[in-house]
Amino acid sequence: MFCLMKKRYALRDDQWERIKALLPGQKGWVGRQAQDNRLFVDAVLYRYRAGIPWRDLPERLGDWKNTHRRWSRWAKTGVWEKVFKHLASDADNEYGMIDSTIVRAHQHSAGAVKKRTKIKLLDVAEVG
């Protein structure tokens, strides 16, 4: 069960191969060498796909404070933007499907007849 849950939100090997060269902390980069970029990216994906706060990250994905701190640094330095642009330029459209079960228009935008309320106007003489 643990193995299935671990892979549920994790990147597949082919997905990892597409982005790993774009990530900082590798040999030849300025600064410290990253402990495990793949585990970190899996932790970020897990957090967003599961819709949980940072504090609720499972321990197997690392310390939530360090993960959040690293995520913030990457956001400030444009790492995420670079990854997204790279993936968008070579999109496989795996998740680009939209159907009517998830997209709904408001009834008024679909041409529904608007309900008018009838307001009874009182004669000034009746009020006084």
N, C-alpha and C. Protein backbone atom coordinates (compact mmCIF):
# COMPACT_ATOMS: atom_id res chain seq x y z
N MET A 1 0.83 -1.20 0.00
CA MET A 1 0.00 0.00 0.00
C MET A 1 0.87 1.25 0.00
N PHE A 2 1.94 1.24 0.80
CA PHE A 2 2.82 2.40 0.86
C PHE A 2 3.39 2.74 -0.51
N CYS A 3 3.81 1.74 -1.26
CA CYS A 3 4.39 1.95 -2.57
C CYS A 3 3.38 2.59 -3.52
N LEU A 4 2.12 2.14 -3.47
CA LEU A 4 1.09 2.71 -4.33
C LEU A 4 0.82 4.16 -3.97
N MET A 5 0.74 4.46 -2.69
CA MET A 5 0.47 5.82 -2.25
C MET A 5 1.64 6.73 -2.59
N LYS A 6 2.84 6.22 -2.50
CA LYS A 6 4.02 7.04 -2.79
C LYS A 6 4.02 7.47 -4.25
N LYS A 7 3.63 6.60 -5.15
CA LYS A 7 3.66 6.89 -6.58
C LYS A 7 2.43 7.65 -7.06
N ARG A 8 1.42 7.74 -6.24
CA ARG A 8 0.15 8.34 -6.67
C ARG A 8 0.32 9.76 -7.21
N TYR A 9 1.07 10.59 -6.52
CA TYR A 9 1.25 11.97 -6.94
C TYR A 9 2.65 12.24 -7.48
N ALA A 10 3.48 11.21 -7.58
CA ALA A 10 4.87 11.37 -7.98
C ALA A 10 5.00 11.45 -9.50
N LEU A 11 6.12 12.03 -9.92
CA LEU A 11 6.42 12.08 -11.34
C LEU A 11 6.81 10.71 -11.86
N ARG A 12 6.41 10.43 -13.07
CA ARG A 12 6.91 9.23 -13.75
C ARG A 12 8.34 9.50 -14.20
N ASP A 13 9.06 8.45 -14.55
CA ASP A 13 10.45 8.61 -14.98
C ASP A 13 10.57 9.49 -16.23
N ASP A 14 9.67 9.33 -17.19
CA ASP A 14 9.73 10.14 -18.41
C ASP A 14 9.45 11.61 -18.11
N GLN A 15 8.56 11.90 -17.17
CA GLN A 15 8.28 13.28 -16.79
C GLN A 15 9.50 13.90 -16.10
N TRP A 16 10.14 13.14 -15.23
CA TRP A 16 11.32 13.61 -14.52
C TRP A 16 12.45 13.94 -15.50
N GLU A 17 12.64 13.09 -16.50
CA GLU A 17 13.70 13.30 -17.49
C GLU A 17 13.51 14.61 -18.24
N ARG A 18 12.26 15.03 -18.43
CA ARG A 18 11.98 16.27 -19.16
C ARG A 18 12.41 17.52 -18.40
N ILE A 19 12.43 17.47 -17.06
CA ILE A 19 12.69 18.69 -16.29
C ILE A 19 13.97 18.68 -15.47
N LYS A 20 14.58 17.54 -15.24
CA LYS A 20 15.68 17.48 -14.27
C LYS A 20 16.86 18.37 -14.62
N ALA A 21 17.16 18.58 -15.88
CA ALA A 21 18.29 19.42 -16.27
C ALA A 21 18.03 20.91 -16.01
N LEU A 22 16.79 21.30 -15.81
CA LEU A 22 16.42 22.70 -15.59
C LEU A 22 16.54 23.12 -14.12
N LEU A 23 16.70 22.16 -13.24
CA LEU A 23 16.62 22.43 -11.81
C LEU A 23 18.00 22.75 -11.22
N PRO A 24 18.05 23.71 -10.29
CA PRO A 24 19.32 24.06 -9.65
C PRO A 24 19.78 22.99 -8.66
N GLY A 25 21.02 23.13 -8.22
CA GLY A 25 21.55 22.23 -7.21
C GLY A 25 22.25 21.01 -7.77
N GLN A 26 22.58 21.03 -9.06
CA GLN A 26 23.26 19.91 -9.68
C GLN A 26 24.76 20.18 -9.72
N LYS A 27 25.52 19.17 -10.05
CA LYS A 27 26.97 19.35 -10.20
C LYS A 27 27.22 20.39 -11.29
N GLY A 28 28.14 21.30 -11.02
CA GLY A 28 28.44 22.36 -11.98
C GLY A 28 27.68 23.65 -11.73
N TRP A 29 26.65 23.62 -10.89
CA TRP A 29 25.88 24.82 -10.55
C TRP A 29 26.57 25.53 -9.39
N VAL A 30 26.41 26.82 -9.32
CA VAL A 30 26.94 27.59 -8.21
C VAL A 30 26.07 27.31 -6.98
N GLY A 31 26.71 27.16 -5.83
CA GLY A 31 25.97 26.91 -4.60
C GLY A 31 26.03 25.45 -4.21
N ARG A 32 25.25 25.13 -3.18
CA ARG A 32 25.21 23.77 -2.66
C ARG A 32 24.57 22.81 -3.64
N GLN A 33 25.01 21.58 -3.58
CA GLN A 33 24.38 20.54 -4.38
C GLN A 33 23.11 20.08 -3.66
N ALA A 34 22.03 19.99 -4.39
CA ALA A 34 20.74 19.60 -3.81
C ALA A 34 20.78 18.16 -3.31
N GLN A 35 20.10 17.92 -2.21
CA GLN A 35 20.04 16.56 -1.67
C GLN A 35 19.27 15.65 -2.62
N ASP A 36 18.07 16.03 -2.97
CA ASP A 36 17.26 15.20 -3.86
C ASP A 36 16.18 16.06 -4.51
N ASN A 37 16.48 16.57 -5.70
CA ASN A 37 15.52 17.41 -6.40
C ASN A 37 14.24 16.66 -6.73
N ARG A 38 14.34 15.38 -7.07
CA ARG A 38 13.15 14.62 -7.44
C ARG A 38 12.20 14.47 -6.26
N LEU A 39 12.73 14.15 -5.10
CA LEU A 39 11.89 14.04 -3.91
C LEU A 39 11.23 15.38 -3.59
N PHE A 40 11.98 16.45 -3.74
CA PHE A 40 11.44 17.78 -3.49
C PHE A 40 10.30 18.11 -4.47
N VAL A 41 10.51 17.88 -5.75
CA VAL A 41 9.47 18.16 -6.75
C VAL A 41 8.25 17.27 -6.47
N ASP A 42 8.47 16.02 -6.11
CA ASP A 42 7.35 15.14 -5.76
C ASP A 42 6.58 15.66 -4.55
N ALA A 43 7.30 16.23 -3.58
CA ALA A 43 6.64 16.80 -2.39
C ALA A 43 5.76 17.99 -2.78
N VAL A 44 6.27 18.85 -3.65
CA VAL A 44 5.50 20.02 -4.09
C VAL A 44 4.26 19.56 -4.87
N LEU A 45 4.44 18.62 -5.77
CA LEU A 45 3.30 18.10 -6.52
C LEU A 45 2.27 17.45 -5.60
N TYR A 46 2.75 16.69 -4.63
CA TYR A 46 1.85 16.04 -3.68
C TYR A 46 1.01 17.09 -2.95
N ARG A 47 1.68 18.14 -2.50
CA ARG A 47 1.00 19.19 -1.74
C ARG A 47 -0.12 19.83 -2.56
N TYR A 48 0.17 20.17 -3.83
CA TYR A 48 -0.84 20.83 -4.66
C TYR A 48 -1.91 19.87 -5.16
N ARG A 49 -1.53 18.67 -5.52
CA ARG A 49 -2.53 17.72 -6.02
C ARG A 49 -3.46 17.24 -4.92
N ALA A 50 -2.96 17.10 -3.71
CA ALA A 50 -3.79 16.65 -2.60
C ALA A 50 -4.56 17.82 -1.98
N GLY A 51 -4.13 19.05 -2.26
CA GLY A 51 -4.82 20.22 -1.72
C GLY A 51 -4.63 20.38 -0.22
N ILE A 52 -3.43 20.11 0.25
CA ILE A 52 -3.16 20.17 1.69
C ILE A 52 -2.26 21.35 2.01
N PRO A 53 -2.26 21.81 3.26
CA PRO A 53 -1.30 22.83 3.69
C PRO A 53 0.10 22.23 3.76
N TRP A 54 1.11 23.09 3.72
CA TRP A 54 2.50 22.64 3.80
C TRP A 54 2.74 21.77 5.03
N ARG A 55 2.14 22.14 6.14
CA ARG A 55 2.37 21.42 7.41
C ARG A 55 1.90 19.97 7.35
N ASP A 56 1.02 19.65 6.42
CA ASP A 56 0.47 18.30 6.34
C ASP A 56 1.21 17.38 5.37
N LEU A 57 2.36 17.83 4.87
CA LEU A 57 3.15 16.95 4.01
C LEU A 57 3.57 15.70 4.78
N PRO A 58 3.44 14.53 4.17
CA PRO A 58 3.90 13.30 4.85
C PRO A 58 5.40 13.36 5.12
N GLU A 59 5.83 12.79 6.21
CA GLU A 59 7.24 12.81 6.60
C GLU A 59 8.15 12.19 5.55
N ARG A 60 7.65 11.21 4.81
CA ARG A 60 8.48 10.54 3.80
C ARG A 60 8.91 11.50 2.69
N LEU A 61 8.23 12.65 2.57
CA LEU A 61 8.57 13.63 1.55
C LEU A 61 9.49 14.72 2.07
N GLY A 62 9.93 14.61 3.31
CA GLY A 62 10.86 15.57 3.88
C GLY A 62 10.18 16.53 4.84
N ASP A 63 10.99 17.35 5.46
CA ASP A 63 10.51 18.34 6.42
C ASP A 63 9.71 19.42 5.69
N TRP A 64 8.52 19.70 6.15
CA TRP A 64 7.66 20.65 5.45
C TRP A 64 8.25 22.05 5.43
N LYS A 65 8.94 22.45 6.50
CA LYS A 65 9.50 23.81 6.54
C LYS A 65 10.59 23.98 5.49
N ASN A 66 11.47 22.99 5.39
CA ASN A 66 12.52 23.06 4.38
C ASN A 66 11.95 23.00 2.97
N THR A 67 10.92 22.19 2.78
CA THR A 67 10.28 22.09 1.47
C THR A 67 9.65 23.42 1.09
N HIS A 68 8.94 24.04 2.02
CA HIS A 68 8.32 25.33 1.74
C HIS A 68 9.37 26.40 1.48
N ARG A 69 10.43 26.41 2.26
CA ARG A 69 11.50 27.40 2.09
C ARG A 69 12.14 27.26 0.70
N ARG A 70 12.41 26.04 0.31
CA ARG A 70 13.02 25.78 -1.00
C ARG A 70 12.07 26.13 -2.13
N TRP A 71 10.78 25.80 -1.96
CA TRP A 71 9.77 26.16 -2.96
C TRP A 71 9.73 27.68 -3.14
N SER A 72 9.78 28.42 -2.04
CA SER A 72 9.76 29.89 -2.11
C SER A 72 10.99 30.43 -2.82
N ARG A 73 12.16 29.88 -2.52
CA ARG A 73 13.39 30.32 -3.19
C ARG A 73 13.30 30.07 -4.69
N TRP A 74 12.83 28.92 -5.07
CA TRP A 74 12.70 28.60 -6.49
C TRP A 74 11.69 29.52 -7.17
N ALA A 75 10.64 29.87 -6.46
CA ALA A 75 9.64 30.79 -7.04
C ALA A 75 10.25 32.17 -7.25
N LYS A 76 11.00 32.66 -6.27
CA LYS A 76 11.61 33.99 -6.37
C LYS A 76 12.68 34.06 -7.46
N THR A 77 13.41 32.97 -7.66
CA THR A 77 14.49 32.99 -8.64
C THR A 77 14.02 32.56 -10.04
N GLY A 78 12.75 32.24 -10.19
CA GLY A 78 12.20 31.93 -11.51
C GLY A 78 12.37 30.50 -11.99
N VAL A 79 12.74 29.60 -11.09
CA VAL A 79 12.93 28.20 -11.49
C VAL A 79 11.61 27.59 -11.96
N TRP A 80 10.55 27.80 -11.20
CA TRP A 80 9.25 27.23 -11.57
C TRP A 80 8.78 27.78 -12.90
N GLU A 81 8.96 29.07 -13.12
CA GLU A 81 8.54 29.69 -14.37
C GLU A 81 9.30 29.07 -15.55
N LYS A 82 10.59 28.84 -15.38
CA LYS A 82 11.40 28.23 -16.43
C LYS A 82 10.90 26.81 -16.74
N VAL A 83 10.59 26.06 -15.71
CA VAL A 83 10.08 24.69 -15.90
C VAL A 83 8.74 24.73 -16.63
N PHE A 84 7.84 25.62 -16.20
CA PHE A 84 6.52 25.70 -16.83
C PHE A 84 6.63 26.11 -18.30
N LYS A 85 7.49 27.08 -18.59
CA LYS A 85 7.67 27.50 -19.98
C LYS A 85 8.23 26.37 -20.83
N HIS A 86 9.17 25.62 -20.28
CA HIS A 86 9.74 24.49 -21.01
C HIS A 86 8.66 23.44 -21.29
N LEU A 87 7.87 23.13 -20.29
CA LEU A 87 6.82 22.13 -20.47
C LEU A 87 5.72 22.62 -21.42
N ALA A 88 5.41 23.91 -21.36
CA ALA A 88 4.38 24.46 -22.23
C ALA A 88 4.84 24.47 -23.69
N SER A 89 6.13 24.65 -23.93
CA SER A 89 6.63 24.68 -25.30
C SER A 89 6.58 23.30 -25.95
N ASP A 90 6.55 22.26 -25.15
CA ASP A 90 6.52 20.90 -25.66
C ASP A 90 5.38 20.13 -24.98
N ALA A 91 4.21 20.71 -25.03
CA ALA A 91 3.07 20.14 -24.31
C ALA A 91 2.59 18.85 -24.95
N ASP A 92 2.24 17.88 -24.11
CA ASP A 92 1.68 16.64 -24.63
C ASP A 92 0.16 16.62 -24.52
N ASN A 93 -0.41 17.67 -23.95
CA ASN A 93 -1.86 17.83 -23.81
C ASN A 93 -2.53 16.69 -23.07
N GLU A 94 -1.79 16.04 -22.19
CA GLU A 94 -2.35 14.93 -21.42
C GLU A 94 -3.50 15.40 -20.54
N TYR A 95 -3.39 16.60 -19.99
CA TYR A 95 -4.41 17.11 -19.09
C TYR A 95 -5.19 18.26 -19.71
N GLY A 96 -5.15 18.42 -20.99
CA GLY A 96 -5.79 19.54 -21.65
C GLY A 96 -7.21 19.28 -22.08
N MET A 97 -7.90 18.36 -21.44
CA MET A 97 -9.26 18.02 -21.85
C MET A 97 -10.27 18.73 -20.94
N ILE A 98 -11.27 19.30 -21.56
CA ILE A 98 -12.34 19.95 -20.82
C ILE A 98 -13.66 19.43 -21.39
N ASP A 99 -14.55 19.05 -20.52
CA ASP A 99 -15.87 18.65 -20.99
C ASP A 99 -16.94 19.30 -20.12
N SER A 100 -18.17 19.09 -20.48
CA SER A 100 -19.27 19.78 -19.79
C SER A 100 -19.51 19.29 -18.38
N THR A 101 -18.90 18.20 -17.97
CA THR A 101 -19.11 17.74 -16.60
C THR A 101 -18.36 18.58 -15.60
N ILE A 102 -17.34 19.33 -16.03
CA ILE A 102 -16.58 20.15 -15.10
C ILE A 102 -16.69 21.64 -15.38
N VAL A 103 -17.25 22.01 -16.53
CA VAL A 103 -17.38 23.42 -16.88
C VAL A 103 -18.86 23.74 -17.01
N ARG A 104 -19.28 24.68 -16.23
CA ARG A 104 -20.69 25.07 -16.28
C ARG A 104 -20.80 26.58 -16.46
N ALA A 105 -21.73 26.97 -17.29
CA ALA A 105 -22.00 28.40 -17.47
C ALA A 105 -23.16 28.77 -16.56
N HIS A 106 -23.18 30.01 -16.14
CA HIS A 106 -24.30 30.50 -15.36
C HIS A 106 -25.55 30.45 -16.23
N GLN A 107 -26.69 30.21 -15.65
CA GLN A 107 -27.92 30.05 -16.43
C GLN A 107 -28.24 31.27 -17.28
N HIS A 108 -27.90 32.47 -16.81
CA HIS A 108 -28.19 33.66 -17.60
C HIS A 108 -27.29 33.76 -18.82
N SER A 109 -26.09 33.23 -18.73
CA SER A 109 -25.21 33.29 -19.89
C SER A 109 -25.62 32.26 -20.94
N ALA A 110 -26.47 31.33 -20.56
CA ALA A 110 -26.91 30.29 -21.49
C ALA A 110 -28.24 30.65 -22.14
N GLY A 111 -28.74 31.84 -21.93
CA GLY A 111 -29.96 32.28 -22.59
C GLY A 111 -31.24 31.98 -21.84
N ALA A 112 -31.16 31.65 -20.57
CA ALA A 112 -32.36 31.38 -19.78
C ALA A 112 -33.17 32.66 -19.63
N VAL A 113 -34.47 32.51 -19.57
CA VAL A 113 -35.35 33.65 -19.40
C VAL A 113 -35.19 34.20 -17.98
N LYS A 114 -34.98 35.49 -17.89
CA LYS A 114 -34.83 36.12 -16.58
C LYS A 114 -36.18 36.27 -15.92
N LYS A 115 -36.23 35.97 -14.64
CA LYS A 115 -37.47 36.13 -13.88
C LYS A 115 -37.59 37.59 -13.47
N ARG A 116 -38.73 38.17 -13.74
CA ARG A 116 -38.98 39.56 -13.36
C ARG A 116 -39.89 39.56 -12.12
N THR A 117 -39.56 40.36 -11.16
CA THR A 117 -40.42 40.47 -9.98
C THR A 117 -41.40 41.59 -10.21
N LYS A 118 -42.62 41.35 -9.83
CA LYS A 118 -43.65 42.37 -9.99
C LYS A 118 -43.71 43.20 -8.72
N ILE A 119 -43.55 44.47 -8.88
CA ILE A 119 -43.61 45.38 -7.75
C ILE A 119 -44.92 46.16 -7.86
N LYS A 120 -45.72 46.07 -6.82
CA LYS A 120 -46.99 46.78 -6.81
C LYS A 120 -46.72 48.22 -6.39
N LEU A 121 -47.03 49.11 -7.30
CA LEU A 121 -46.85 50.52 -6.99
C LEU A 121 -48.04 51.00 -6.18
N LEU A 122 -47.71 51.60 -5.06
CA LEU A 122 -48.78 52.12 -4.20
C LEU A 122 -49.09 53.56 -4.59
N ASP A 123 -50.32 53.87 -4.55
CA ASP A 123 -50.74 55.23 -4.82
C ASP A 123 -50.33 56.09 -3.62
N VAL A 124 -49.91 57.26 -3.87
CA VAL A 124 -49.47 58.18 -2.81
C VAL A 124 -50.60 58.38 -1.80
N ALA A 125 -51.82 58.37 -2.24
CA ALA A 125 -52.95 58.57 -1.34
C ALA A 125 -53.10 57.41 -0.37
N GLU A 126 -52.77 56.19 -0.81
CA GLU A 126 -52.88 55.05 0.08
C GLU A 126 -51.86 55.08 1.20
N VAL A 127 -50.67 55.64 0.95
CA VAL A 127 -49.61 55.68 1.93
C VAL A 127 -49.95 56.68 3.03
N GLY A 128 -50.48 57.81 2.71
CA GLY A 128 -50.72 58.89 3.66
C GLY A 128 -51.93 58.72 4.40
